[in-house]
Amino acid sequence: MYAGDGDIRIRLADTRDVDHLQTVLDGASDILDARVYGMSAAELLAANQVYIGYASEAPIGCVMATFEAPVVIHCLSVVVSHRRNGFAGVLLAAAVAEMDRRSQPLSYWAAVDPARRSAEMRFSRLGFIRADTSVGLVDGMQLMFREAQEPGTKLGTSVSP
């Protein structure tokens, strides 16, 4: 899969990609053998949809979401050396477009750190809105919601095989 202007390739990872995911997790946290939610890279791959982004064949980021409906996007990571240049938004848009294409969910939820205004803006640009305050914060994360859209629409990016 190619996203954006072709500088980043994104694809759905599988169990053979454990080293690539670990490279992203380590590079995003500056911690060797980093874990997310206490889970190893192999456990994360088994329990989630994981889309890994590549630039010049090097893994530079990932988007993780639940398999079951409604889809919950709960992790967006970019290695430190590739931050602040738009890769996070491109990865997120491409992953959402690919999930629209593959599984056609009726809706998405996203768990967004309320302290990171840029994260909320990134999701807002893709049509996510803050969840009703009765749902509000869950485990310290602001929930955002978006109805699924036809593949390739209103995402500001293109994804092609």
Foldseek 3Di string as FASTA:
>chain_A
DAKFPRQKDKDWDALVCLVLVQVQQCQQVVDHQDDDPPHGSNVQRVAWGKMFMDGPNHTFWIWTWGPDPPIETEDTTGGPVPPPPCPSLRRVLQVLLVCCVPPVGQKYKYFAQPVDPVRVVSVVQQPWAFDDCVVAHDPNTTMTMDGRDHRPPSSNMHDDD
